[in-house]
Amino acid sequence: MGVLKDLKIADLEKELRATKDEAAQRLIDMDSEKQEITQDAKVSAAIAMYKIQLQMAAEAQDPAFDKSSWDVEGWKARLADLEDEDDAEEIPMLEGGDAGKDQGGEAGGDGAAKV
């Protein structure tokens, strides 16, 4: 009887180890899938942001376009969420440079009108 119990215990321990290994592998697979989905979402969001940036660049070329409708703070917040700190600082600085050009152009236009 003792031998049968030992064999049964050994079989149950093997089954337990196999179940634990299977559970661990499933957790690893789920984590990999989660990371892949997250990365895909980030890529999709980045593509959308770049499309918006291209649209804004095209609008900036139009002298009649009213740039006051741009949500610059929202844009900066989205970029900060999507990119590393270094990358997020570079693009808003470029936008700030464009905004400075627009303001300088408008101020120059006002100055010319006053003269």
Protein backbone atom coordinates (compact mmCIF):
# COMPACT_ATOMS: atom_id res chain seq x y z
CA MET A 1 0.00 0.00 0.00
CA GLY A 2 2.78 2.43 0.85
CA VAL A 3 4.37 1.93 -2.57
CA LEU A 4 1.09 2.74 -4.34
CA LYS A 5 0.71 5.90 -2.27
CA ASP A 6 4.28 6.95 -3.12
CA LEU A 7 3.63 6.38 -6.83
CA LYS A 8 0.39 8.35 -6.66
CA ILE A 9 2.15 11.20 -4.83
CA ALA A 10 4.93 11.21 -7.44
CA ASP A 11 2.35 11.34 -10.25
CA LEU A 12 0.48 14.18 -8.56
CA GLU A 13 3.73 16.11 -8.02
CA LYS A 14 4.61 15.69 -11.72
CA GLU A 15 1.16 16.91 -12.69
CA LEU A 16 1.49 19.86 -10.29
CA ARG A 17 4.88 20.83 -11.79
CA ALA A 18 3.49 20.53 -15.31
CA THR A 19 0.50 22.68 -14.39
CA LYS A 20 2.75 25.30 -12.77
CA ASP A 21 5.02 25.34 -15.83
CA GLU A 22 2.01 25.70 -18.12
CA ALA A 23 0.61 28.55 -16.00
CA ALA A 24 3.97 30.31 -16.01
CA GLN A 25 4.21 29.97 -19.80
CA ARG A 26 0.69 31.37 -20.19
CA LEU A 27 1.61 34.35 -18.01
CA ILE A 28 4.70 34.97 -20.13
CA ASP A 29 2.64 34.72 -23.32
CA MET A 30 -0.01 37.10 -21.97
CA ASP A 31 2.64 39.61 -20.92
CA SER A 32 4.24 39.46 -24.37
CA GLU A 33 0.85 39.93 -26.02
CA LYS A 34 0.07 42.88 -23.73
CA GLN A 35 3.39 44.52 -24.59
CA GLU A 36 2.78 43.98 -28.31
CA ILE A 37 -0.70 45.52 -28.10
CA THR A 38 0.64 48.45 -26.11
CA GLN A 39 3.42 49.01 -28.64
CA ASP A 40 0.94 48.84 -31.53
CA ALA A 41 -1.27 51.40 -29.79
CA LYS A 42 1.71 53.71 -29.27
CA VAL A 43 2.69 53.40 -32.93
CA SER A 44 -0.87 54.16 -34.03
CA ALA A 45 -1.03 57.17 -31.73
CA ALA A 46 2.34 58.41 -32.96
CA ILE A 47 1.21 58.07 -36.57
CA ALA A 48 -1.94 60.06 -35.78
CA MET A 49 0.13 62.76 -34.07
CA TYR A 50 2.50 63.00 -37.04
CA LYS A 51 -0.48 63.30 -39.40
CA ILE A 52 -1.78 66.16 -37.26
CA GLN A 53 1.68 67.72 -37.27
CA LEU A 54 1.80 67.49 -41.08
CA GLN A 55 -1.66 69.04 -41.31
CA MET A 56 -0.56 71.86 -39.00
CA ALA A 57 2.56 72.41 -41.10
CA ALA A 58 0.43 72.64 -44.23
CA GLU A 59 -1.92 75.06 -42.49
CA ALA A 60 1.05 77.14 -41.32
CA GLN A 61 2.02 77.66 -44.96
CA ASP A 62 -1.37 79.29 -45.64
CA PRO A 63 -1.05 82.99 -44.70
CA ALA A 64 -4.84 83.36 -44.36
CA PHE A 65 -5.21 80.50 -41.84
CA ASP A 66 -6.13 81.51 -38.27
CA LYS A 67 -3.55 79.77 -36.06
CA SER A 68 -5.29 80.82 -32.86
CA SER A 69 -7.49 77.71 -33.18
CA TRP A 70 -4.51 75.43 -32.54
CA ASP A 71 -4.46 73.68 -29.17
CA VAL A 72 -0.73 74.05 -28.50
CA GLU A 73 -0.90 73.00 -24.84
CA GLY A 74 -2.91 69.88 -25.70
CA TRP A 75 -0.41 69.08 -28.44
CA LYS A 76 2.51 69.38 -26.01
CA ALA A 77 0.75 67.14 -23.48
CA ARG A 78 0.07 64.45 -26.09
CA LEU A 79 3.66 64.54 -27.29
CA ALA A 80 4.95 64.23 -23.74
CA ASP A 81 2.77 61.13 -23.26
CA LEU A 82 3.99 59.50 -26.46
CA GLU A 83 7.67 60.30 -26.58
CA ASP A 84 10.70 60.33 -24.35
CA GLU A 85 11.42 63.57 -22.52
CA ASP A 86 14.18 64.56 -24.95
CA ASP A 87 12.02 64.00 -28.03
CA ALA A 88 9.01 65.72 -26.50
CA GLU A 89 11.07 68.83 -25.79
CA GLU A 90 12.41 69.08 -29.34
CA ILE A 91 9.11 69.19 -31.24
CA PRO A 92 7.32 71.81 -29.07
CA MET A 93 10.43 73.97 -29.39
CA LEU A 94 10.00 73.75 -33.15
CA GLU A 95 6.35 74.70 -32.80
CA GLY A 96 7.32 77.54 -30.50
CA GLY A 97 9.71 78.73 -33.18
CA ASP A 98 6.89 78.66 -35.75
CA ALA A 99 4.62 80.52 -33.34
CA GLY A 100 7.33 83.12 -32.82
CA LYS A 101 7.62 83.56 -36.57
CA ASP A 102 3.89 84.04 -36.87
CA GLN A 103 3.81 86.54 -34.05
CA GLY A 104 6.83 88.32 -35.44
CA GLY A 105 5.19 88.45 -38.87
CA GLU A 106 2.00 89.84 -37.38
CA ALA A 107 3.89 92.32 -35.24
CA GLY A 108 5.93 93.36 -38.28
CA GLY A 109 2.70 93.77 -40.21
CA ASP A 110 1.27 95.95 -37.44
CA GLY A 111 4.46 97.97 -37.28
CA ALA A 112 4.36 98.48 -41.03
CA ALA A 113 0.73 99.59 -40.82
CA LYS A 114 1.61 102.13 -38.11
CA VAL A 115 4.51 103.61 -40.06
